[in-house]
Protein backbone atom coordinates (compact mmCIF):
# COMPACT_ATOMS: atom_id res chain seq x y z
CA MET A 1 -33.25 8.25 -1.73
CA ILE A 2 -29.56 8.71 -1.18
CA ALA A 3 -29.36 12.12 -2.53
CA GLY A 4 -31.56 13.45 -0.70
CA ARG A 5 -30.17 11.92 2.84
CA THR A 6 -26.86 13.29 1.85
CA LEU A 7 -28.33 16.63 1.08
CA ASP A 8 -28.97 17.08 4.64
CA LEU A 9 -25.71 15.46 5.70
CA PHE A 10 -23.78 17.90 3.96
CA ALA A 11 -25.82 21.00 4.55
CA PRO A 12 -23.28 22.92 6.46
CA VAL A 13 -20.71 21.79 4.28
CA LEU A 14 -22.49 23.11 1.10
CA MET A 15 -23.08 26.75 2.86
CA SER A 16 -19.45 26.80 3.60
CA LEU A 17 -18.33 26.43 -0.03
CA PRO A 18 -19.13 29.74 -1.89
CA GLN A 19 -16.41 30.96 0.56
CA LEU A 20 -13.68 29.53 -1.34
CA VAL A 21 -14.90 30.21 -5.01
CA SER A 22 -14.19 33.16 -7.28
CA PRO A 23 -16.60 36.07 -6.57
CA ARG A 24 -18.03 36.03 -9.60
CA ALA A 25 -19.54 32.79 -9.44
CA ILE A 26 -21.90 33.76 -6.37
CA PRO A 27 -24.94 35.03 -7.93
CA ALA A 28 -25.70 38.31 -7.60
CA PRO A 29 -29.22 39.84 -5.93
CA GLY A 30 -31.73 39.57 -8.64
CA THR A 31 -30.09 36.95 -11.04
CA PRO A 32 -32.79 35.25 -12.76
CA LEU A 33 -33.52 31.68 -12.07
CA ALA A 34 -32.84 29.22 -14.52
CA GLU A 35 -35.05 27.50 -16.44
CA ASP A 36 -35.71 23.57 -15.50
CA GLY A 37 -35.49 22.92 -19.53
CA PRO A 38 -34.67 19.48 -21.05
CA PHE A 39 -30.85 17.51 -20.58
CA LEU A 40 -30.39 16.50 -23.80
CA ALA A 41 -31.57 17.44 -27.82
CA PRO A 42 -34.01 15.22 -28.85
CA ALA A 43 -31.59 13.81 -31.69
CA ALA A 44 -29.00 13.66 -28.95
CA HIS A 45 -30.97 10.98 -26.66
CA PRO A 46 -29.86 7.33 -26.63
CA ASP A 47 -31.00 5.29 -29.72
CA ASP A 48 -32.01 2.61 -27.22
CA PRO A 49 -32.67 3.77 -23.76
CA ASP A 50 -32.49 -0.08 -22.37
CA ARG A 51 -29.04 -0.11 -23.13
CA ALA A 52 -27.93 3.70 -22.28
CA VAL A 53 -25.02 3.98 -19.34
CA LEU A 54 -24.77 6.92 -17.62
CA VAL A 55 -20.98 8.23 -17.50
CA ALA A 56 -19.93 11.27 -15.21
CA VAL A 57 -16.53 12.92 -14.61
CA ILE A 58 -15.56 15.00 -11.86
CA ASP A 59 -12.13 17.26 -12.66
CA HIS A 60 -10.94 20.43 -13.43
CA ALA A 61 -11.35 22.46 -16.61
CA ILE A 62 -13.51 19.85 -18.52
CA PRO A 63 -13.39 20.88 -22.21
CA PHE A 64 -17.51 20.62 -22.32
CA ALA A 65 -17.82 21.37 -25.91
CA HIS A 66 -15.09 19.22 -27.06
CA PRO A 67 -16.42 17.54 -30.67
CA LEU A 68 -15.50 13.98 -28.34
CA LEU A 69 -18.68 14.68 -26.23
CA THR A 70 -20.80 15.28 -29.33
CA THR A 71 -23.15 13.34 -31.55
CA SER A 72 -22.76 12.87 -35.44
CA ALA A 73 -25.02 15.69 -35.82
CA GLY A 74 -22.97 18.01 -33.63
CA LEU A 75 -25.19 18.09 -30.23
CA SER A 76 -24.13 17.57 -27.24
CA ARG A 77 -23.63 14.27 -25.04
CA VAL A 78 -22.99 16.59 -22.14
CA ALA A 79 -26.32 16.22 -20.25
CA ALA A 80 -25.64 18.56 -17.47
CA ILE A 81 -22.33 20.41 -16.34
CA TRP A 82 -21.69 22.25 -13.20
CA LEU A 83 -18.88 24.77 -13.68
CA MET A 84 -18.14 25.45 -9.97
CA ASP A 85 -15.71 28.55 -10.89
CA ALA A 86 -17.70 30.06 -13.69
CA GLY A 87 -19.90 33.64 -13.58
CA ALA A 88 -22.96 32.81 -12.24
CA GLN A 89 -25.08 34.06 -15.08
CA SER A 90 -28.39 32.26 -13.77
CA ARG A 91 -29.14 30.46 -10.60
CA ARG A 92 -30.44 27.19 -9.30
CA PRO A 93 -32.05 26.76 -5.48
CA ASP A 94 -30.02 23.69 -5.17
CA ILE A 95 -26.78 25.15 -6.60
CA ALA A 96 -25.20 27.97 -4.21
CA PHE A 97 -22.42 29.06 -6.96
CA GLY A 98 -21.08 28.92 -10.37
CA GLN A 99 -23.51 27.75 -13.41
CA GLU A 100 -25.10 24.86 -14.35
CA LEU A 101 -25.30 23.94 -18.39
CA ARG A 102 -27.13 21.18 -19.95
CA GLY A 103 -27.32 19.95 -23.34
CA PRO A 104 -29.61 22.66 -25.33
CA GLN A 105 -27.63 25.29 -23.80
CA ILE A 106 -24.48 24.15 -24.72
CA ASP A 107 -25.64 23.52 -28.38
CA ALA A 108 -26.60 27.33 -28.30
CA LEU A 109 -23.50 28.93 -27.41
CA CYS A 110 -21.52 26.93 -29.80
CA ARG A 111 -20.95 28.09 -33.28
CA PRO A 112 -19.85 25.89 -36.26
CA GLY A 113 -16.36 25.82 -37.02
CA ASP A 114 -15.43 28.08 -33.35
CA PRO A 115 -15.82 25.21 -30.56
CA GLU A 116 -14.47 27.66 -28.43
CA ALA A 117 -17.30 30.20 -28.53
CA ALA A 118 -19.16 28.36 -25.77
CA TYR A 119 -16.09 29.18 -23.51
CA ARG A 120 -15.82 32.64 -24.27
CA ALA A 121 -19.43 33.26 -23.48
CA LEU A 122 -18.99 32.12 -20.12
CA GLY A 123 -15.84 34.01 -19.23
CA LEU A 124 -13.81 31.14 -19.24
CA THR A 125 -10.86 32.11 -21.67
CA GLY A 126 -10.37 35.60 -20.07
CA PRO A 127 -8.36 37.28 -16.87
CA GLY A 128 -10.84 36.22 -13.92
CA ASP A 129 -10.63 32.70 -15.24
CA MET A 130 -7.98 30.90 -17.86
CA SER A 131 -9.10 27.47 -17.32
CA MET A 132 -10.33 26.92 -21.31
CA ALA A 133 -7.60 28.96 -22.44
CA ARG A 134 -4.65 26.68 -21.84
CA HIS A 135 -3.84 23.94 -24.72
CA ALA A 136 -3.50 21.16 -21.81
CA THR A 137 -5.83 20.71 -18.67
CA HIS A 138 -6.21 17.70 -16.55
CA GLY A 139 -9.98 17.26 -16.91
CA ALA A 140 -9.53 17.46 -20.81
CA ALA A 141 -7.41 14.20 -20.68
CA VAL A 142 -9.98 12.44 -18.24
CA ALA A 143 -12.84 13.62 -19.85
CA ALA A 144 -12.24 12.62 -23.09
CA LEU A 145 -10.65 9.14 -22.09
CA ALA A 146 -13.75 8.38 -19.70
CA ALA A 147 -16.33 9.60 -22.26
CA GLY A 148 -14.95 10.34 -25.42
CA HIS A 149 -16.40 8.73 -28.48
CA ASP A 150 -15.78 9.41 -32.39
CA PRO A 151 -18.81 12.20 -33.59
CA GLY A 152 -18.33 10.85 -36.73
CA GLY A 153 -20.36 7.76 -35.27
CA ASP A 154 -23.11 7.55 -33.00
CA ALA A 155 -22.04 4.90 -30.64
CA GLY A 156 -21.51 7.86 -28.14
CA ARG A 157 -25.41 8.29 -27.94
CA ALA A 158 -25.39 5.68 -25.60
CA HIS A 159 -23.34 7.22 -22.77
CA PRO A 160 -24.93 10.61 -21.93
CA VAL A 161 -22.42 12.64 -19.84
CA LEU A 162 -22.70 14.34 -16.26
CA ALA A 163 -19.93 16.49 -15.34
CA VAL A 164 -18.35 18.73 -12.77
CA SER A 165 -15.78 20.94 -13.35
CA LEU A 166 -13.99 21.65 -10.10
CA PRO A 167 -12.63 25.25 -9.19
CA ARG A 168 -9.04 25.85 -9.43
CA ALA A 169 -8.96 26.70 -5.46
CA ALA A 170 -9.88 23.10 -4.76
CA LEU A 171 -6.93 21.46 -6.36
CA THR A 172 -4.01 24.18 -6.02
CA GLU A 173 -3.89 23.07 -2.27
CA THR A 174 -2.87 19.27 -2.82
CA SER A 175 -3.05 17.90 0.44
CA GLY A 176 -6.78 17.80 -0.31
CA SER A 177 -8.41 19.62 2.56
CA ILE A 178 -10.52 21.88 0.37
CA ALA A 179 -11.00 19.63 -2.76
CA ALA A 180 -12.95 17.03 -0.84
CA LEU A 181 -15.66 19.57 0.17
CA PHE A 182 -16.18 20.45 -3.47
CA ILE A 183 -16.18 16.74 -4.45
CA GLN A 184 -18.80 15.59 -1.90
CA ALA A 185 -20.71 18.43 -3.31
CA ALA A 186 -20.12 17.26 -6.96
CA VAL A 187 -21.03 13.79 -6.04
CA ILE A 188 -24.56 14.86 -4.93
CA PHE A 189 -25.24 17.08 -7.78
CA VAL A 190 -24.25 13.76 -10.00
CA ILE A 191 -26.41 11.95 -8.49
CA ALA A 192 -29.47 14.02 -8.77
CA ARG A 193 -28.88 15.17 -12.05
CA ALA A 194 -28.45 11.22 -12.99
CA ARG A 195 -31.79 10.96 -11.59
CA ALA A 196 -33.48 13.73 -13.31
CA LEU A 197 -32.09 12.31 -16.55
CA ALA A 198 -33.27 9.15 -15.86
CA ARG A 199 -36.70 10.29 -15.38
CA GLN A 200 -36.93 12.10 -18.76
CA MET A 201 -35.56 9.17 -20.64
CA SER A 202 -38.28 7.15 -19.10
CA GLN A 203 -41.15 9.67 -20.18
CA ARG A 204 -39.54 9.65 -23.58
CA ALA A 205 -39.61 5.98 -23.82
CA GLY A 206 -42.98 5.60 -22.27
CA ARG A 207 -41.60 3.12 -19.57
CA ARG A 208 -39.42 2.65 -16.56
CA ILE A 209 -35.86 3.35 -17.66
CA LEU A 210 -33.01 2.74 -14.94
CA PRO A 211 -30.06 3.47 -16.47
CA PRO A 212 -26.50 2.60 -14.91
CA LEU A 213 -23.89 5.00 -13.63
CA VAL A 214 -20.37 5.24 -14.05
CA VAL A 215 -18.63 8.01 -12.02
CA ASN A 216 -14.62 8.95 -12.61
CA LEU A 217 -12.76 10.50 -10.18
CA SER A 218 -9.26 10.86 -11.12
CA LEU A 219 -7.85 12.57 -8.15
CA GLY A 220 -6.22 11.35 -4.93
CA ILE A 221 -4.71 12.47 -1.45
CA THR A 222 -2.04 10.84 0.39
CA ALA A 223 -3.40 11.16 3.88
CA GLY A 224 -6.17 10.70 5.97
CA SER A 225 -8.13 7.77 7.19
CA ASP A 226 -6.84 5.09 5.49
CA ASP A 227 -9.81 2.52 6.66
CA GLY A 228 -12.71 3.46 4.58
CA GLY A 229 -14.10 5.96 7.53
CA ALA A 230 -13.28 8.99 5.65
CA LEU A 231 -16.70 10.70 4.94
CA MET A 232 -16.27 10.82 1.26
CA THR A 233 -15.51 7.35 1.17
CA ARG A 234 -18.34 6.41 3.15
CA LEU A 235 -20.89 8.21 1.07
CA GLN A 236 -19.57 6.87 -2.30
CA ASP A 237 -19.93 3.20 -0.61
CA ALA A 238 -23.40 4.09 0.49
CA ILE A 239 -24.69 5.38 -2.85
CA SER A 240 -23.41 1.94 -4.50
CA ALA A 241 -24.89 0.06 -1.96
CA SER A 242 -28.31 1.59 -2.40
CA THR A 243 -31.01 1.29 -4.59
CA GLU A 244 -31.90 4.45 -6.43
CA PRO A 245 -35.52 5.00 -7.61
CA ASP A 246 -34.45 6.30 -10.81
CA LEU A 247 -31.01 4.50 -11.72
CA GLY A 248 -29.45 1.09 -11.91
CA GLN A 249 -26.48 0.42 -10.23
CA VAL A 250 -23.92 3.28 -9.73
CA HIS A 251 -19.95 2.87 -9.96
CA PHE A 252 -17.39 5.00 -8.81
CA VAL A 253 -14.00 4.43 -10.35
CA LEU A 254 -10.83 5.93 -8.71
CA PRO A 255 -7.06 5.80 -9.20
CA THR A 256 -4.66 4.50 -6.76
CA GLY A 257 -2.27 7.14 -6.92
CA ASN A 258 1.21 8.00 -7.89
CA HIS A 259 3.00 7.96 -4.81
CA ARG A 260 4.27 4.53 -4.15
CA GLN A 261 8.13 5.46 -4.76
CA ASP A 262 7.39 9.13 -2.74
CA CYS A 263 8.36 7.76 0.79
CA LEU A 264 5.29 8.99 2.25
CA ARG A 265 3.88 6.29 4.18
CA ALA A 266 5.88 4.27 7.35
CA HIS A 267 4.36 1.96 9.87
CA LEU A 268 6.11 2.32 13.54
CA ALA A 269 5.87 0.56 16.68
CA ALA A 270 6.31 1.95 20.41
CA GLY A 271 10.21 3.28 20.64
CA GLN A 272 11.30 3.48 17.02
CA ARG A 273 11.55 6.71 15.21
CA ILE A 274 11.91 7.85 11.64
CA GLY A 275 13.11 10.57 9.92
CA TRP A 276 11.24 13.11 8.32
CA THR A 277 12.90 15.14 5.42
CA ILE A 278 11.78 18.91 5.30
CA PRO A 279 13.17 20.70 1.86
CA PRO A 280 14.61 24.12 1.70
CA ALA A 281 12.69 27.31 0.19
CA ASP A 282 9.24 25.91 0.63
CA PRO A 283 6.30 28.55 0.94
CA THR A 284 3.78 26.29 1.88
CA PRO A 285 3.02 24.28 5.05
CA ASN A 286 4.24 20.54 5.80
CA ALA A 287 2.14 18.01 7.52
CA VAL A 288 2.27 14.55 8.94
CA GLU A 289 -0.42 12.23 10.49
CA ILE A 290 0.27 9.56 12.60
CA TRP A 291 -2.73 6.88 12.83
CA GLY A 292 -3.13 4.39 15.86
CA ALA A 293 -5.52 1.49 15.74
CA PRO A 294 -9.32 1.40 16.80
CA GLY A 295 -9.75 1.43 20.52
CA GLU A 296 -5.77 1.41 21.24
CA CYS A 297 -3.99 4.03 23.06
CA LEU A 298 -3.39 7.58 21.78
CA PRO A 299 0.13 7.92 20.15
CA ARG A 300 2.64 9.92 21.97
CA LEU A 301 5.31 11.66 20.10
CA ARG A 302 8.91 13.59 20.40
CA ILE A 303 10.23 15.47 17.73
CA ALA A 304 13.45 16.84 17.04
CA ALA A 305 14.12 19.39 14.53
CA PRO A 306 17.43 19.28 12.94
CA GLN A 307 20.21 18.81 14.96
CA THR A 308 18.57 19.53 18.23
CA VAL A 309 17.34 17.63 20.80
CA PRO A 310 13.58 15.89 21.01
CA VAL A 311 11.02 18.05 22.16
CA ALA A 312 7.90 16.02 23.95
CA VAL A 313 4.67 16.77 22.46
CA PRO A 314 2.47 18.31 25.26
CA LEU A 315 -0.72 16.58 24.37
CA ASP A 316 -2.06 13.37 26.03
CA ARG A 317 -5.83 14.10 25.52
CA PRO A 318 -7.66 15.19 22.24
CA GLY A 319 -6.80 18.79 21.69
CA GLU A 320 -4.57 21.47 20.04
CA GLY A 321 -1.49 22.78 20.96
CA GLN A 322 2.13 24.33 20.03
CA LEU A 323 5.52 22.63 20.01
CA LEU A 324 8.13 25.30 20.94
CA ASP A 325 11.69 24.95 21.04
CA ALA A 326 13.90 26.11 23.90
CA ASN A 327 13.91 29.66 22.99
CA GLY A 328 10.18 29.78 22.78
CA HIS A 329 9.77 30.03 19.08
CA ARG A 330 7.05 27.70 17.42
CA LEU A 331 8.30 24.54 15.77
CA ALA A 332 5.27 22.86 15.05
CA ARG A 333 1.01 23.09 15.23
CA ILE A 334 -0.20 19.93 16.82
CA VAL A 335 -3.86 18.28 16.67
CA LEU A 336 -4.59 14.98 18.73
CA GLN A 337 -7.88 14.02 17.69
CA ARG A 338 -10.12 10.21 18.56
CA ARG A 339 -11.64 9.79 15.27
CA GLY A 340 -15.06 7.85 16.03
CA GLY A 341 -15.80 8.05 19.25
CA ALA A 342 -13.94 6.35 22.43
CA SER A 343 -14.06 3.01 20.32
CA GLY A 344 -12.04 5.08 17.40
CA ARG A 345 -8.58 5.81 16.19
CA GLY A 346 -6.53 8.29 17.26
CA CYS A 347 -4.79 10.40 15.01
CA LEU A 348 -1.77 13.25 15.75
CA THR A 349 -1.41 15.68 13.06
CA VAL A 350 2.23 17.57 13.14
CA ILE A 351 1.92 20.74 10.77
CA LEU A 352 5.59 22.31 10.36
CA PRO A 353 5.28 26.06 9.12
CA PRO A 354 6.93 26.97 5.67
CA THR A 355 10.92 26.91 5.32
CA LEU A 356 10.70 30.05 3.65
CA PRO A 357 7.01 31.84 4.34
CA VAL A 358 5.51 34.66 2.55
CA ASP A 359 5.45 36.85 5.58
CA MET A 360 8.84 37.21 6.95
CA ALA A 361 7.70 37.79 10.47
CA ALA A 362 5.68 34.35 10.33
CA PRO A 363 7.26 31.58 12.23
CA ALA A 364 9.63 29.43 9.83
CA ALA A 365 10.77 25.70 10.30
CA PRO A 366 14.24 24.97 9.54
CA ALA A 367 14.74 22.76 6.76
CA GLY A 368 16.49 19.63 6.84
CA LEU A 369 16.35 16.17 8.56
CA TRP A 370 13.49 15.89 11.32
CA GLN A 371 13.03 13.19 13.54
CA LEU A 372 9.65 11.47 14.63
CA HIS A 373 10.23 9.50 18.22
CA LEU A 374 6.72 7.62 18.72
CA ASP A 375 7.24 7.01 22.53
CA GLU A 376 3.84 5.30 23.15
CA ALA A 377 1.15 3.34 20.72
CA GLY A 378 -0.89 0.51 21.10
CA PRO A 379 0.13 -3.38 20.61
CA SER A 380 -0.63 -2.57 16.76
CA GLY A 381 1.69 0.62 16.54
CA CYS A 382 1.02 3.49 14.22
CA ASP A 383 0.52 4.19 10.61
CA LEU A 384 2.29 7.57 9.16
CA PHE A 385 0.93 9.57 6.44
CA VAL A 386 2.69 12.51 4.88
CA HIS A 387 0.15 15.13 3.33
CA ARG A 388 1.11 15.92 -0.45
CA ASP A 389 2.52 19.18 -0.87
CA ASP A 390 3.52 19.84 -4.41
CA ARG A 391 1.49 21.05 -7.38
CA LEU A 392 -0.87 19.65 -10.06
CA SER A 393 0.27 19.56 -13.69
CA GLY A 394 -1.31 22.76 -15.62
CA LEU A 395 -2.17 24.57 -11.97
CA PRO A 396 -0.18 27.05 -10.11
CA GLY A 397 1.42 25.78 -6.68
CA GLN A 398 4.77 26.10 -5.20
CA GLY A 399 4.67 23.58 -2.52
CA ARG A 400 7.65 21.13 -1.94
CA GLN A 401 7.13 17.80 -1.12
CA SER A 402 8.72 16.66 2.56
CA ARG A 403 9.24 12.74 2.33
CA LEU A 404 10.07 10.37 5.33
CA HIS A 405 13.81 8.89 5.39
CA ASP A 406 14.84 5.36 6.78
CA PRO A 407 18.26 4.52 5.41
CA ARG A 408 17.41 1.00 5.32
CA HIS A 409 15.03 1.92 2.51
CA ALA A 410 16.21 1.29 -0.90
CA ARG A 411 13.95 3.30 -3.65
CA GLN A 412 15.32 0.85 -6.30
CA THR A 413 16.63 -2.67 -6.64
CA GLU A 414 20.73 -3.09 -7.38
CA ASP A 415 19.62 -4.00 -10.74
CA GLY A 416 17.76 -0.43 -11.17
CA ARG A 417 14.27 -1.71 -10.86
CA TRP A 418 11.66 -0.22 -8.89
CA PRO A 419 10.40 -2.76 -6.08
CA LEU A 420 6.54 -3.43 -6.26
CA ALA A 421 5.19 -4.73 -2.86
CA ASP A 422 7.04 -4.25 0.50
CA ASP A 423 9.76 -6.70 1.47
CA PRO A 424 9.93 -7.41 5.03
CA ALA A 425 13.50 -8.94 5.08
CA THR A 426 14.89 -5.13 4.51
CA GLY A 427 13.57 -4.17 7.96
CA SER A 428 12.61 -0.74 6.69
CA LEU A 429 9.76 1.26 8.14
CA ILE A 430 8.76 2.95 5.00
CA ARG A 431 5.82 1.51 3.44
CA ARG A 432 4.96 0.67 -0.37
CA ASN A 433 1.85 -1.62 0.73
CA GLY A 434 -1.09 0.72 1.34
CA THR A 435 0.19 3.90 -0.58
CA ALA A 436 -3.27 4.02 -2.73
CA SER A 437 -4.85 7.00 -2.36
CA VAL A 438 -6.86 7.71 0.58
CA TYR A 439 -10.35 8.30 -1.70
CA ALA A 440 -9.79 4.88 -2.76
CA ARG A 441 -10.08 3.02 0.46
CA GLY A 442 -13.89 1.89 0.33
CA ALA A 443 -15.11 -1.10 0.38
CA ARG A 444 -17.23 -0.97 -3.09
CA GLN A 445 -14.92 1.81 -5.08
CA ILE A 446 -13.25 0.35 -8.49
CA ARG A 447 -9.49 1.08 -8.03
CA VAL A 448 -7.51 1.00 -11.03
CA GLY A 449 -3.37 1.20 -11.03
CA ALA A 450 -1.27 2.48 -14.26
CA ALA A 451 0.74 -0.04 -16.53
CA CYS A 452 2.87 0.08 -19.35
CA ALA A 453 1.35 -0.81 -22.70
CA SER A 454 4.90 -2.34 -23.83
CA PRO A 455 5.97 -4.60 -22.24
CA GLU A 456 2.15 -5.29 -21.83
CA GLY A 457 1.01 -5.62 -18.36
CA ARG A 458 4.13 -3.96 -16.63
CA VAL A 459 2.81 -2.13 -13.45
CA SER A 460 4.37 1.49 -13.60
CA ALA A 461 6.67 2.77 -11.21
CA TYR A 462 4.96 4.91 -9.50
CA THR A 463 1.74 3.29 -9.05
CA GLY A 464 0.26 3.32 -5.76
CA LEU A 465 -0.65 0.22 -3.85
CA LEU A 466 -3.49 -1.47 -1.74
CA PRO A 467 -2.82 -2.81 1.78
CA ASP A 468 -2.41 -6.29 0.08
CA GLY A 469 0.17 -5.12 -2.41
CA ALA A 470 -1.83 -5.18 -5.57
CA PRO A 471 -1.69 -1.92 -7.63
CA GLY A 472 -5.52 -1.90 -7.70
CA ASP A 473 -8.37 -4.35 -8.77
CA VAL A 474 -7.34 -3.70 -12.44
CA THR A 475 -4.78 -2.10 -14.22
CA ALA A 476 -4.96 -0.04 -17.59
CA PRO A 477 -2.04 1.55 -19.72
CA ALA A 478 -0.75 5.09 -18.86
CA ASP A 479 2.47 4.74 -20.21
CA ALA A 480 4.06 3.36 -23.60
CA SER A 481 7.11 2.02 -21.84
CA PRO A 482 9.29 2.05 -18.51
CA ALA A 483 11.37 4.46 -20.42
CA ARG A 484 8.62 6.20 -22.18
CA PRO A 485 6.30 7.52 -19.50
CA GLY A 486 2.85 8.80 -20.57
CA MET A 487 0.55 8.71 -23.44
CA LEU A 488 -0.90 11.30 -25.58
CA VAL A 489 -4.21 12.57 -25.10
CA PRO A 490 -6.82 15.15 -26.12
CA GLY A 491 -6.38 18.75 -25.03
CA VAL A 492 -8.74 21.70 -24.51
CA ALA A 493 -8.98 22.19 -28.68
CA PRO A 494 -10.29 20.00 -30.74
CA ALA A 495 -7.00 19.62 -32.52
CA SER A 496 -4.71 19.60 -29.61
CA ARG A 497 -2.89 16.93 -27.92
CA GLN A 498 -1.05 16.62 -24.96
CA ARG A 499 1.43 14.06 -23.48
CA LEU A 500 0.48 12.73 -19.81
CA SER A 501 1.22 10.03 -17.44
CA GLY A 502 -0.37 8.48 -14.20
CA THR A 503 -3.11 6.70 -12.69
CA SER A 504 -5.50 9.52 -13.29
CA LEU A 505 -5.32 8.43 -17.02
CA ALA A 506 -5.93 4.69 -15.91
CA ALA A 507 -9.09 5.16 -14.34
CA PRO A 508 -11.28 6.42 -17.10
CA GLN A 509 -9.94 4.08 -19.67
CA VAL A 510 -11.55 1.55 -17.12
CA THR A 511 -14.88 3.60 -16.87
CA ARG A 512 -15.29 3.99 -20.81
CA TRP A 513 -14.67 -0.07 -20.52
CA LEU A 514 -17.06 -0.42 -18.08
CA ALA A 515 -19.96 1.93 -19.35
CA MET A 516 -19.34 0.11 -22.79
CA ALA A 517 -19.39 -3.17 -21.19
CA LEU A 518 -22.59 -2.37 -19.68
CA THR A 519 -24.00 -1.16 -22.83
CA ASP A 520 -23.25 -4.67 -24.08
CA GLY A 521 -25.43 -6.49 -21.43
CA ALA A 522 -22.71 -7.30 -18.87
CA HIS A 523 -23.81 -7.54 -15.38
CA ILE A 524 -21.12 -6.40 -13.11
CA PRO A 525 -22.27 -5.98 -9.58
CA ASP A 526 -19.15 -6.05 -7.47
CA ARG A 527 -14.91 -6.06 -8.08
CA GLN A 528 -14.62 -9.68 -8.12
CA THR A 529 -16.90 -9.88 -11.16
CA LEU A 530 -15.23 -6.75 -12.56
CA ARG A 531 -11.91 -8.27 -12.37
CA ALA A 532 -12.97 -11.73 -13.72
CA GLU A 533 -14.83 -9.72 -16.58
CA TYR A 534 -12.33 -7.21 -17.14
CA ALA A 535 -9.71 -10.27 -17.74
CA ARG A 536 -12.06 -12.21 -19.95
CA ARG A 537 -13.06 -8.65 -22.11
CA ALA A 538 -9.88 -6.42 -22.01
CA SER A 539 -6.83 -7.77 -23.56
CA THR A 540 -7.33 -4.43 -25.47
CA LEU A 541 -9.34 -1.91 -24.02
CA PRO A 542 -12.15 0.15 -26.32
CA ASP A 543 -10.00 1.80 -28.96
CA LEU A 544 -9.62 5.44 -28.40
CA PRO A 545 -11.20 7.87 -30.87
CA TRP A 546 -8.69 9.91 -31.59
CA ARG A 547 -6.33 6.91 -32.68
CA ASP A 548 -9.17 5.69 -34.87
CA GLY A 549 -8.81 8.42 -37.42
CA PHE A 550 -11.24 11.16 -35.73
CA ARG A 551 -10.17 14.66 -37.52
CA HIS A 552 -11.74 17.50 -36.90
CA PRO A 553 -11.89 20.11 -39.84
CA ASP A 554 -9.42 22.41 -38.14
CA ALA A 555 -7.21 19.51 -36.75
CA ALA A 556 -3.58 18.87 -38.30
CA ALA A 557 -2.11 15.98 -39.03
CA PRO A 558 -1.72 13.86 -35.78
CA PRO A 559 2.13 14.00 -34.38
């Protein structure tokens, strides 16, 4: 029972998460227990439970009352959603914060002609939480692409939806240090609710129903364990490889990320050096990780701030320390670890303070071109990963992205094209291969890259690459063409549209394709089978419902 085992594993994590959410999301003493009612209204259950496929979406600001997530009778297809940042109006023993809603509760909150009534009732449009007051959100696009169906028909009833709406605090810090904790808890929630929903479906059918589950996670990070050893990656692989008592096969679909051209990854051998460009006026820290190979010696590094001589990192064994300049001012915080015991990988993390700290008395790093000198490394050399430090669309954030610098690295070819895989002939230390999100480094996850609709199949310039140079196991269109990035996708309100781009939009299209293929009887046990089946079936992806003539009564003509 993987959910039970992993709940034990994450008990300390789950206990710490309430400290990171809105205070109103913490249940007050005496908050009543929620009733353990049905997940869906009777008329919202799949017509043929044997062909049902559950779809889960983990994202931020998911418009759970959107018509694309309803049946033709206007009933919610969202069987359960955990609103992590919502005010706690009731509590459940297995949810320490936020609010869970189930289908009948969503139906009760919605009003005819006023789909936003549910958001107002939960305080998601007011000063304390404006997540549902915005026109466009990442979660609105992803949920529509992964699980949206035309409410004028009932094809969507075969795909009950489970969702977790992550708190804003988890995503404003884009390095992923906070988000990973919430995502791990979200995965446990999705598995637990999927199993419970499957049991209700079995009771209704009078026989055992084992629906497959497809989980979409359109988020990613640029640094961390890229060998599949990250806790989140191991968790997802363990779930996919297990035989759940109440579920069929569980698939996790993730994007490869959008950072192929951003100079955030490099490979150095002992004795080599590389530049690290730190932007000015950055109120957030900048960090880089230097990873050795398993069982090899710990990396030894010297660091030079702009126009200074290199200073040796004073760590030769796991621990923490500070790097000081000649005047005794702090240049950096250093953390040296051996991940995975004596035979694991050495990881040296260098964290620079902001170049423009909010507190003027706090340490400040000089902006400009720093130098990283790798003095000692094992025979395999070291991989460098710069932490993401920008902002997500629709969320606050003031970070400015630092980048690696090598004069031999050309971001574009002479004819102006964006290169795909690495060319060893250039001698550049910066890598494009291996720029896929660290979240998507498992052995069983489905990794999706972005492509252009015209010319059909051309890989989008930003798509991260797997270590072998492939843009993913499969690709899906996320841009109209190289000259016209992005695609038109739904926003929060039924009539709203937004233009977004990125592999975050490619992954949910494959999630939707996979769910529909499984409903049609396809057997897809692994990546190799998926690639073959996708090539056979996906000359065009399933039509998107807002392109098929869907019109909400309040909607204007589409742009």
